[in-house]
Every structure is written in structure tokens, then in C-alpha cells.
PDB file of all heavy atoms in Angstrom:
ATOM      1  N   VAL A   1       0.845  -1.194   0.000  1.00  0.00           N
ATOM      2  CA  VAL A   1       0.000   0.000   0.000  1.00  0.00           C
ATOM      3  C   VAL A   1       0.886   1.252   0.000  1.00  0.00           C
ATOM      4  O   VAL A   1       1.689   1.446   0.926  1.00  0.00           O
ATOM      5  CB  VAL A   1      -0.927   0.018   1.232  1.00  0.00           C
ATOM      6  CG1 VAL A   1      -1.731   1.310   1.273  1.00  0.00           C
ATOM      7  CG2 VAL A   1      -1.842  -1.193   1.220  1.00  0.00           C
ATOM      8  N   PRO A   2       0.769   2.127  -1.006  1.00  0.00           N
ATOM      9  CA  PRO A   2       1.573   3.363  -1.026  1.00  0.00           C
ATOM     10  C   PRO A   2       0.914   4.451  -0.181  1.00  0.00           C
ATOM     11  O   PRO A   2      -0.127   5.000  -0.551  1.00  0.00           O
ATOM     12  CB  PRO A   2       1.576   3.741  -2.514  1.00  0.00           C
ATOM     13  CG  PRO A   2       0.291   3.196  -3.041  1.00  0.00           C
ATOM     14  CD  PRO A   2      -0.037   1.964  -2.229  1.00  0.00           C
ATOM     15  N   ALA A   3       1.497   4.763   0.971  1.00  0.00           N
ATOM     16  CA  ALA A   3       0.974   5.837   1.818  1.00  0.00           C
ATOM     17  C   ALA A   3       1.407   7.199   1.302  1.00  0.00           C
ATOM     18  O   ALA A   3       0.686   8.191   1.442  1.00  0.00           O
ATOM     19  CB  ALA A   3       1.442   5.644   3.256  1.00  0.00           C
ATOM     20  N   VAL A   4       2.609   7.275   0.732  1.00  0.00           N
ATOM     21  CA  VAL A   4       3.127   8.483   0.086  1.00  0.00           C
ATOM     22  C   VAL A   4       3.578   8.057  -1.302  1.00  0.00           C
ATOM     23  O   VAL A   4       4.390   7.139  -1.434  1.00  0.00           O
ATOM     24  CB  VAL A   4       4.301   9.099   0.879  1.00  0.00           C
ATOM     25  CG1 VAL A   4       4.882  10.301   0.152  1.00  0.00           C
ATOM     26  CG2 VAL A   4       3.848   9.489   2.282  1.00  0.00           C
ATOM     27  N   ASP A   5       3.055   8.710  -2.332  1.00  0.00           N
ATOM     28  CA  ASP A   5       3.194   8.186  -3.695  1.00  0.00           C
ATOM     29  C   ASP A   5       3.762   9.246  -4.648  1.00  0.00           C
ATOM     30  O   ASP A   5       3.020   9.948  -5.332  1.00  0.00           O
ATOM     31  CB  ASP A   5       1.831   7.695  -4.191  1.00  0.00           C
ATOM     32  CG  ASP A   5       1.936   6.860  -5.455  1.00  0.00           C
ATOM     33  OD1 ASP A   5       3.062   6.625  -5.927  1.00  0.00           O
ATOM     34  OD2 ASP A   5       0.886   6.443  -5.969  1.00  0.00           O
ATOM     35  N   GLY A   6       5.088   9.388  -4.641  1.00  0.00           N
ATOM     36  CA  GLY A   6       5.733  10.312  -5.575  1.00  0.00           C
ATOM     37  C   GLY A   6       5.636  11.772  -5.164  1.00  0.00           C
ATOM     38  O   GLY A   6       5.408  12.645  -6.009  1.00  0.00           O
ATOM     39  N   VAL A   7       5.820  12.070  -3.891  1.00  0.00           N
ATOM     40  CA  VAL A   7       5.705  13.439  -3.376  1.00  0.00           C
ATOM     41  C   VAL A   7       7.020  14.188  -3.557  1.00  0.00           C
ATOM     42  O   VAL A   7       8.100  13.662  -3.258  1.00  0.00           O
ATOM     43  CB  VAL A   7       5.294  13.417  -1.887  1.00  0.00           C
ATOM     44  CG1 VAL A   7       5.523  14.770  -1.231  1.00  0.00           C
ATOM     45  CG2 VAL A   7       3.835  13.002  -1.761  1.00  0.00           C
ATOM     46  N   SER A   8       6.925  15.432  -4.053  1.00  0.00           N
ATOM     47  CA  SER A   8       8.102  16.290  -4.235  1.00  0.00           C
ATOM     48  C   SER A   8       7.774  17.697  -3.739  1.00  0.00           C
ATOM     49  O   SER A   8       6.716  18.247  -4.061  1.00  0.00           O
ATOM     50  CB  SER A   8       8.517  16.359  -5.707  1.00  0.00           C
ATOM     51  OG  SER A   8       8.868  15.095  -6.218  1.00  0.00           O
ATOM     52  N   PHE A   9       8.683  18.271  -2.957  1.00  0.00           N
ATOM     53  CA  PHE A   9       8.552  19.670  -2.529  1.00  0.00           C
ATOM     54  C   PHE A   9       9.896  20.139  -1.983  1.00  0.00           C
ATOM     55  O   PHE A   9      10.821  19.338  -1.792  1.00  0.00           O
ATOM     56  CB  PHE A   9       7.449  19.849  -1.471  1.00  0.00           C
ATOM     57  CG  PHE A   9       7.673  19.083  -0.191  1.00  0.00           C
ATOM     58  CD1 PHE A   9       8.455  19.597   0.828  1.00  0.00           C
ATOM     59  CD2 PHE A   9       7.083  17.834  -0.003  1.00  0.00           C
ATOM     60  CE1 PHE A   9       8.661  18.885   2.007  1.00  0.00           C
ATOM     61  CE2 PHE A   9       7.272  17.122   1.164  1.00  0.00           C
ATOM     62  CZ  PHE A   9       8.059  17.656   2.168  1.00  0.00           C
ATOM     63  N   GLN A  10      10.008  21.447  -1.755  1.00  0.00           N
ATOM     64  CA  GLN A  10      11.225  22.033  -1.215  1.00  0.00           C
ATOM     65  C   GLN A  10      10.874  22.987  -0.080  1.00  0.00           C
ATOM     66  O   GLN A  10       9.793  23.575  -0.072  1.00  0.00           O
ATOM     67  CB  GLN A  10      12.002  22.782  -2.298  1.00  0.00           C
ATOM     68  CG  GLN A  10      12.454  21.917  -3.457  1.00  0.00           C
ATOM     69  CD  GLN A  10      13.282  22.678  -4.470  1.00  0.00           C
ATOM     70  OE1 GLN A  10      13.718  23.809  -4.216  1.00  0.00           O
ATOM     71  NE2 GLN A  10      13.516  22.080  -5.626  1.00  0.00           N
ATOM     72  N   VAL A  11      11.812  23.136   0.855  1.00  0.00           N
ATOM     73  CA  VAL A  11      11.687  24.101   1.941  1.00  0.00           C
ATOM     74  C   VAL A  11      12.940  24.959   1.929  1.00  0.00           C
ATOM     75  O   VAL A  11      14.058  24.435   2.026  1.00  0.00           O
ATOM     76  CB  VAL A  11      11.528  23.418   3.315  1.00  0.00           C
ATOM     77  CG1 VAL A  11      11.344  24.469   4.408  1.00  0.00           C
ATOM     78  CG2 VAL A  11      10.357  22.447   3.311  1.00  0.00           C
ATOM     79  N   GLY A  12      12.763  26.257   1.778  1.00  0.00           N
ATOM     80  CA  GLY A  12      13.895  27.164   1.763  1.00  0.00           C
ATOM     81  C   GLY A  12      14.379  27.498   3.167  1.00  0.00           C
ATOM     82  O   GLY A  12      13.673  27.284   4.156  1.00  0.00           O
ATOM     83  N   ARG A  13      15.561  28.047   3.269  1.00  0.00           N
ATOM     84  CA  ARG A  13      16.109  28.454   4.572  1.00  0.00           C
ATOM     85  C   ARG A  13      15.244  29.561   5.168  1.00  0.00           C
ATOM     86  O   ARG A  13      14.960  30.559   4.523  1.00  0.00           O
ATOM     87  CB  ARG A  13      17.551  28.942   4.412  1.00  0.00           C
ATOM     88  CG  ARG A  13      18.499  27.853   3.964  1.00  0.00           C
ATOM     89  CD  ARG A  13      19.928  28.357   3.833  1.00  0.00           C
ATOM     90  NE  ARG A  13      20.791  27.318   3.304  1.00  0.00           N
ATOM     91  CZ  ARG A  13      21.347  26.365   4.035  1.00  0.00           C
ATOM     92  NH1 ARG A  13      21.159  26.355   5.347  1.00  0.00           N
ATOM     93  NH2 ARG A  13      22.119  25.450   3.482  1.00  0.00           N
ATOM     94  N   GLY A  14      14.840  29.360   6.420  1.00  0.00           N
ATOM     95  CA  GLY A  14      14.024  30.352   7.100  1.00  0.00           C
ATOM     96  C   GLY A  14      12.576  30.393   6.666  1.00  0.00           C
ATOM     97  O   GLY A  14      11.807  31.231   7.147  1.00  0.00           O
ATOM     98  N   GLU A  15      12.155  29.486   5.783  1.00  0.00           N
ATOM     99  CA  GLU A  15      10.794  29.506   5.249  1.00  0.00           C
ATOM    100  C   GLU A  15       9.875  28.605   6.070  1.00  0.00           C
ATOM    101  O   GLU A  15      10.327  27.652   6.720  1.00  0.00           O
ATOM    102  CB  GLU A  15      10.812  29.011   3.798  1.00  0.00           C
ATOM    103  CG  GLU A  15       9.426  29.001   3.143  1.00  0.00           C
ATOM    104  CD  GLU A  15       9.416  28.313   1.782  1.00  0.00           C
ATOM    105  OE1 GLU A  15      10.173  27.340   1.601  1.00  0.00           O
ATOM    106  OE2 GLU A  15       8.646  28.758   0.921  1.00  0.00           O
ATOM    107  N   THR A  16       8.579  28.899   6.038  1.00  0.00           N
ATOM    108  CA  THR A  16       7.575  28.014   6.610  1.00  0.00           C
ATOM    109  C   THR A  16       6.730  27.447   5.481  1.00  0.00           C
ATOM    110  O   THR A  16       6.066  28.200   4.760  1.00  0.00           O
ATOM    111  CB  THR A  16       6.666  28.753   7.604  1.00  0.00           C
ATOM    112  OG1 THR A  16       7.453  29.242   8.688  1.00  0.00           O
ATOM    113  CG2 THR A  16       5.603  27.812   8.160  1.00  0.00           C
ATOM    114  N   LEU A  17       6.774  26.127   5.315  1.00  0.00           N
ATOM    115  CA  LEU A  17       5.928  25.433   4.356  1.00  0.00           C
ATOM    116  C   LEU A  17       4.897  24.638   5.133  1.00  0.00           C
ATOM    117  O   LEU A  17       5.241  23.850   6.017  1.00  0.00           O
ATOM    118  CB  LEU A  17       6.750  24.491   3.482  1.00  0.00           C
ATOM    119  CG  LEU A  17       5.937  23.550   2.571  1.00  0.00           C
ATOM    120  CD1 LEU A  17       5.218  24.345   1.482  1.00  0.00           C
ATOM    121  CD2 LEU A  17       6.816  22.470   1.955  1.00  0.00           C
ATOM    122  N   GLY A  18       3.622  24.819   4.805  1.00  0.00           N
ATOM    123  CA  GLY A  18       2.561  24.049   5.424  1.00  0.00           C
ATOM    124  C   GLY A  18       2.126  22.921   4.517  1.00  0.00           C
ATOM    125  O   GLY A  18       2.035  23.092   3.299  1.00  0.00           O
ATOM    126  N   ILE A  19       1.892  21.755   5.096  1.00  0.00           N
ATOM    127  CA  ILE A  19       1.297  20.631   4.364  1.00  0.00           C
ATOM    128  C   ILE A  19      -0.048  20.351   5.007  1.00  0.00           C
ATOM    129  O   ILE A  19      -0.138  20.104   6.208  1.00  0.00           O
ATOM    130  CB  ILE A  19       2.194  19.380   4.402  1.00  0.00           C
ATOM    131  CG1 ILE A  19       3.554  19.677   3.743  1.00  0.00           C
ATOM    132  CG2 ILE A  19       1.513  18.220   3.691  1.00  0.00           C
ATOM    133  CD1 ILE A  19       4.480  18.481   3.694  1.00  0.00           C
ATOM    134  N   VAL A  20      -1.106  20.416   4.196  1.00  0.00           N
ATOM    135  CA  VAL A  20      -2.461  20.309   4.723  1.00  0.00           C
ATOM    136  C   VAL A  20      -3.210  19.214   3.984  1.00  0.00           C
ATOM    137  O   VAL A  20      -2.926  18.913   2.824  1.00  0.00           O
ATOM    138  CB  VAL A  20      -3.198  21.672   4.606  1.00  0.00           C
ATOM    139  CG1 VAL A  20      -3.433  22.031   3.148  1.00  0.00           C
ATOM    140  CG2 VAL A  20      -4.491  21.683   5.388  1.00  0.00           C
ATOM    141  N   GLY A  21      -4.168  18.612   4.664  1.00  0.00           N
ATOM    142  CA  GLY A  21      -4.982  17.566   4.060  1.00  0.00           C
ATOM    143  C   GLY A  21      -5.734  16.800   5.134  1.00  0.00           C
ATOM    144  O   GLY A  21      -5.464  16.944   6.326  1.00  0.00           O
ATOM    145  N   GLU A  22      -6.688  15.979   4.701  1.00  0.00           N
ATOM    146  CA  GLU A  22      -7.477  15.184   5.631  1.00  0.00           C
ATOM    147  C   GLU A  22      -6.623  14.116   6.308  1.00  0.00           C
ATOM    148  O   GLU A  22      -5.539  13.770   5.834  1.00  0.00           O
ATOM    149  CB  GLU A  22      -8.632  14.511   4.882  1.00  0.00           C
ATOM    150  CG  GLU A  22      -9.667  15.463   4.318  1.00  0.00           C
ATOM    151  CD  GLU A  22     -10.688  14.742   3.465  1.00  0.00           C
ATOM    152  OE1 GLU A  22     -11.652  14.197   4.032  1.00  0.00           O
ATOM    153  OE2 GLU A  22     -10.534  14.733   2.238  1.00  0.00           O
ATOM    154  N   SER A  23      -7.141  13.564   7.394  1.00  0.00           N
ATOM    155  CA  SER A  23      -6.467  12.456   8.062  1.00  0.00           C
ATOM    156  C   SER A  23      -6.309  11.290   7.087  1.00  0.00           C
ATOM    157  O   SER A  23      -7.238  10.952   6.356  1.00  0.00           O
ATOM    158  CB  SER A  23      -7.278  11.993   9.276  1.00  0.00           C
ATOM    159  OG  SER A  23      -7.371  13.020  10.236  1.00  0.00           O
ATOM    160  N   GLY A  24      -5.117  10.698   7.082  1.00  0.00           N
ATOM    161  CA  GLY A  24      -4.858   9.565   6.213  1.00  0.00           C
ATOM    162  C   GLY A  24      -4.332   9.918   4.840  1.00  0.00           C
ATOM    163  O   GLY A  24      -4.131   9.028   4.014  1.00  0.00           O
ATOM    164  N   CYS A  25      -4.071  11.213   4.582  1.00  0.00           N
ATOM    165  CA  CYS A  25      -3.612  11.601   3.242  1.00  0.00           C
ATOM    166  C   CYS A  25      -2.109  11.399   3.049  1.00  0.00           C
ATOM    167  O   CYS A  25      -1.609  11.512   1.933  1.00  0.00           O
ATOM    168  CB  CYS A  25      -3.986  13.048   2.944  1.00  0.00           C
ATOM    169  SG  CYS A  25      -3.035  14.271   3.867  1.00  0.00           S
ATOM    170  N   GLY A  26      -1.355  11.138   4.123  1.00  0.00           N
ATOM    171  CA  GLY A  26       0.075  10.886   3.997  1.00  0.00           C
ATOM    172  C   GLY A  26       0.962  11.958   4.591  1.00  0.00           C
ATOM    173  O   GLY A  26       2.186  11.886   4.471  1.00  0.00           O
ATOM    174  N   LYS A  27       0.382  12.936   5.286  1.00  0.00           N
ATOM    175  CA  LYS A  27       1.168  14.039   5.841  1.00  0.00           C
ATOM    176  C   LYS A  27       2.194  13.542   6.863  1.00  0.00           C
ATOM    177  O   LYS A  27       3.394  13.832   6.760  1.00  0.00           O
ATOM    178  CB  LYS A  27       0.261  15.080   6.507  1.00  0.00           C
ATOM    179  CG  LYS A  27      -0.861  15.616   5.656  1.00  0.00           C
ATOM    180  CD  LYS A  27      -1.624  16.718   6.355  1.00  0.00           C
ATOM    181  CE  LYS A  27      -2.231  16.335   7.679  1.00  0.00           C
ATOM    182  NZ  LYS A  27      -3.283  15.306   7.557  1.00  0.00           N
ATOM    183  N   SER A  28       1.719  12.803   7.862  1.00  0.00           N
ATOM    184  CA  SER A  28       2.606  12.353   8.935  1.00  0.00           C
ATOM    185  C   SER A  28       3.627  11.344   8.434  1.00  0.00           C
ATOM    186  O   SER A  28       4.792  11.352   8.873  1.00  0.00           O
ATOM    187  CB  SER A  28       1.789  11.745  10.076  1.00  0.00           C
ATOM    188  OG  SER A  28       0.989  12.726  10.699  1.00  0.00           O
ATOM    189  N   VAL A  29       3.226  10.469   7.499  1.00  0.00           N
ATOM    190  CA  VAL A  29       4.174   9.495   6.949  1.00  0.00           C
ATOM    191  C   VAL A  29       5.280  10.205   6.174  1.00  0.00           C
ATOM    192  O   VAL A  29       6.439   9.776   6.202  1.00  0.00           O
ATOM    193  CB  VAL A  29       3.442   8.474   6.056  1.00  0.00           C
ATOM    194  CG1 VAL A  29       4.433   7.525   5.392  1.00  0.00           C
ATOM    195  CG2 VAL A  29       2.439   7.677   6.876  1.00  0.00           C
ATOM    196  N   THR A  30       4.945  11.318   5.511  1.00  0.00           N
ATOM    197  CA  THR A  30       5.967  12.115   4.837  1.00  0.00           C
ATOM    198  C   THR A  30       7.003  12.616   5.837  1.00  0.00           C
ATOM    199  O   THR A  30       8.218  12.524   5.604  1.00  0.00           O
ATOM    200  CB  THR A  30       5.320  13.304   4.101  1.00  0.00           C
ATOM    201  OG1 THR A  30       4.412  12.816   3.108  1.00  0.00           O
ATOM    202  CG2 THR A  30       6.371  14.171   3.432  1.00  0.00           C
ATOM    203  N   CYS A  31       6.537  13.119   6.988  1.00  0.00           N
ATOM    204  CA  CYS A  31       7.453  13.611   8.029  1.00  0.00           C
ATOM    205  C   CYS A  31       8.314  12.486   8.585  1.00  0.00           C
ATOM    206  O   CYS A  31       9.536  12.649   8.757  1.00  0.00           O
ATOM    207  CB  CYS A  31       6.666  14.242   9.166  1.00  0.00           C
ATOM    208  SG  CYS A  31       5.835  15.748   8.730  1.00  0.00           S
ATOM    209  N   LEU A  32       7.691  11.369   8.886  1.00  0.00           N
ATOM    210  CA  LEU A  32       8.443  10.236   9.430  1.00  0.00           C
ATOM    211  C   LEU A  32       9.462   9.715   8.427  1.00  0.00           C
ATOM    212  O   LEU A  32      10.543   9.249   8.813  1.00  0.00           O
ATOM    213  CB  LEU A  32       7.479   9.118   9.840  1.00  0.00           C
ATOM    214  CG  LEU A  32       6.544   9.434  11.008  1.00  0.00           C
ATOM    215  CD1 LEU A  32       5.539   8.306  11.220  1.00  0.00           C
ATOM    216  CD2 LEU A  32       7.332   9.688  12.293  1.00  0.00           C
ATOM    217  N   SER A  33       9.137   9.814   7.139  1.00  0.00           N
ATOM    218  CA  SER A  33      10.092   9.404   6.106  1.00  0.00           C
ATOM    219  C   SER A  33      11.306  10.323   6.092  1.00  0.00           C
ATOM    220  O   SER A  33      12.446   9.859   5.956  1.00  0.00           O
ATOM    221  CB  SER A  33       9.413   9.404   4.728  1.00  0.00           C
ATOM    222  OG  SER A  33       8.312   8.527   4.695  1.00  0.00           O
ATOM    223  N   ILE A  34      11.073  11.622   6.238  1.00  0.00           N
ATOM    224  CA  ILE A  34      12.183  12.578   6.281  1.00  0.00           C
ATOM    225  C   ILE A  34      13.095  12.271   7.467  1.00  0.00           C
ATOM    226  O   ILE A  34      14.328  12.314   7.356  1.00  0.00           O
ATOM    227  CB  ILE A  34      11.643  14.011   6.366  1.00  0.00           C
ATOM    228  CG1 ILE A  34      10.903  14.383   5.069  1.00  0.00           C
ATOM    229  CG2 ILE A  34      12.773  15.011   6.630  1.00  0.00           C
ATOM    230  CD1 ILE A  34      10.142  15.689   5.144  1.00  0.00           C
ATOM    231  N   MET A  35      12.497  11.935   8.604  1.00  0.00           N
ATOM    232  CA  MET A  35      13.275  11.655   9.817  1.00  0.00           C
ATOM    233  C   MET A  35      13.809  10.223   9.856  1.00  0.00           C
ATOM    234  O   MET A  35      14.511   9.847  10.778  1.00  0.00           O
ATOM    235  CB  MET A  35      12.392  11.895  11.049  1.00  0.00           C
ATOM    236  CG  MET A  35      11.902  13.312  11.200  1.00  0.00           C
ATOM    237  SD  MET A  35      13.223  14.491  11.539  1.00  0.00           S
ATOM    238  CE  MET A  35      13.563  14.147  13.262  1.00  0.00           C
ATOM    239  N   ARG A  36      13.434   9.424   8.858  1.00  0.00           N
ATOM    240  CA  ARG A  36      13.782   7.995   8.811  1.00  0.00           C
ATOM    241  C   ARG A  36      13.294   7.275  10.073  1.00  0.00           C
ATOM    242  O   ARG A  36      14.002   6.502  10.695  1.00  0.00           O
ATOM    243  CB  ARG A  36      15.286   7.807   8.612  1.00  0.00           C
ATOM    244  CG  ARG A  36      15.677   7.904   7.143  1.00  0.00           C
ATOM    245  CD  ARG A  36      17.150   7.793   6.881  1.00  0.00           C
ATOM    246  NE  ARG A  36      17.762   6.599   7.424  1.00  0.00           N
ATOM    247  CZ  ARG A  36      19.042   6.277   7.260  1.00  0.00           C
ATOM    248  NH1 ARG A  36      19.835   7.085   6.556  1.00  0.00           N
ATOM    249  NH2 ARG A  36      19.545   5.181   7.777  1.00  0.00           N
ATOM    250  N   LEU A  37      12.022   7.535  10.389  1.00  0.00           N
ATOM    251  CA  LEU A  37      11.388   6.925  11.547  1.00  0.00           C
ATOM    252  C   LEU A  37      10.191   6.058  11.156  1.00  0.00           C
ATOM    253  O   LEU A  37       9.416   5.662  12.027  1.00  0.00           O
ATOM    254  CB  LEU A  37      10.930   8.010  12.534  1.00  0.00           C
ATOM    255  CG  LEU A  37      12.047   8.778  13.246  1.00  0.00           C
ATOM    256  CD1 LEU A  37      11.468   9.900  14.092  1.00  0.00           C
ATOM    257  CD2 LEU A  37      12.906   7.859  14.095  1.00  0.00           C
ATOM    258  N   VAL A  38      10.046   5.777   9.868  1.00  0.00           N
ATOM    259  CA  VAL A  38       8.972   4.878   9.438  1.00  0.00           C
ATOM    260  C   VAL A  38       9.249   3.491   9.996  1.00  0.00           C
ATOM    261  O   VAL A  38      10.339   2.933   9.794  1.00  0.00           O
ATOM    262  CB  VAL A  38       8.877   4.829   7.896  1.00  0.00           C
ATOM    263  CG1 VAL A  38       7.866   3.794   7.449  1.00  0.00           C
ATOM    264  CG2 VAL A  38       8.506   6.193   7.346  1.00  0.00           C
ATOM    265  N   PRO A  39       8.295   2.896  10.731  1.00  0.00           N
ATOM    266  CA  PRO A  39       8.541   1.561  11.308  1.00  0.00           C
ATOM    267  C   PRO A  39       8.746   0.514  10.223  1.00  0.00           C
ATOM    268  O   PRO A  39       7.919   0.361   9.322  1.00  0.00           O
ATOM    269  CB  PRO A  39       7.281   1.287  12.132  1.00  0.00           C
ATOM    270  CG  PRO A  39       6.231   2.189  11.548  1.00  0.00           C
ATOM    271  CD  PRO A  39       6.948   3.403  11.052  1.00  0.00           C
TER     272      PRO A  39
END
């Protein structure tokens, strides 16, 4: 099951990027992937 499916974005220095969406859309899994904390 693909929880995050081909997501691409950038965050600049000092910038605030918001990721918004309903529960289950893949927001938290994206964060855990960045931190390499996906179980």
C-alpha cells in the first residue's frame, strides 16, 4: 500500500511550508520518512 506516492517539494532556509490535508492523506508518513522513523 503506497501511503506516500511520488511526493516532491522544497523548503527554503528560514521559510515556513505548510502541508495540509485530511487524516490519512500521507502528511505524517511524509514527516516520518524525512526523519527515517517509518517503522
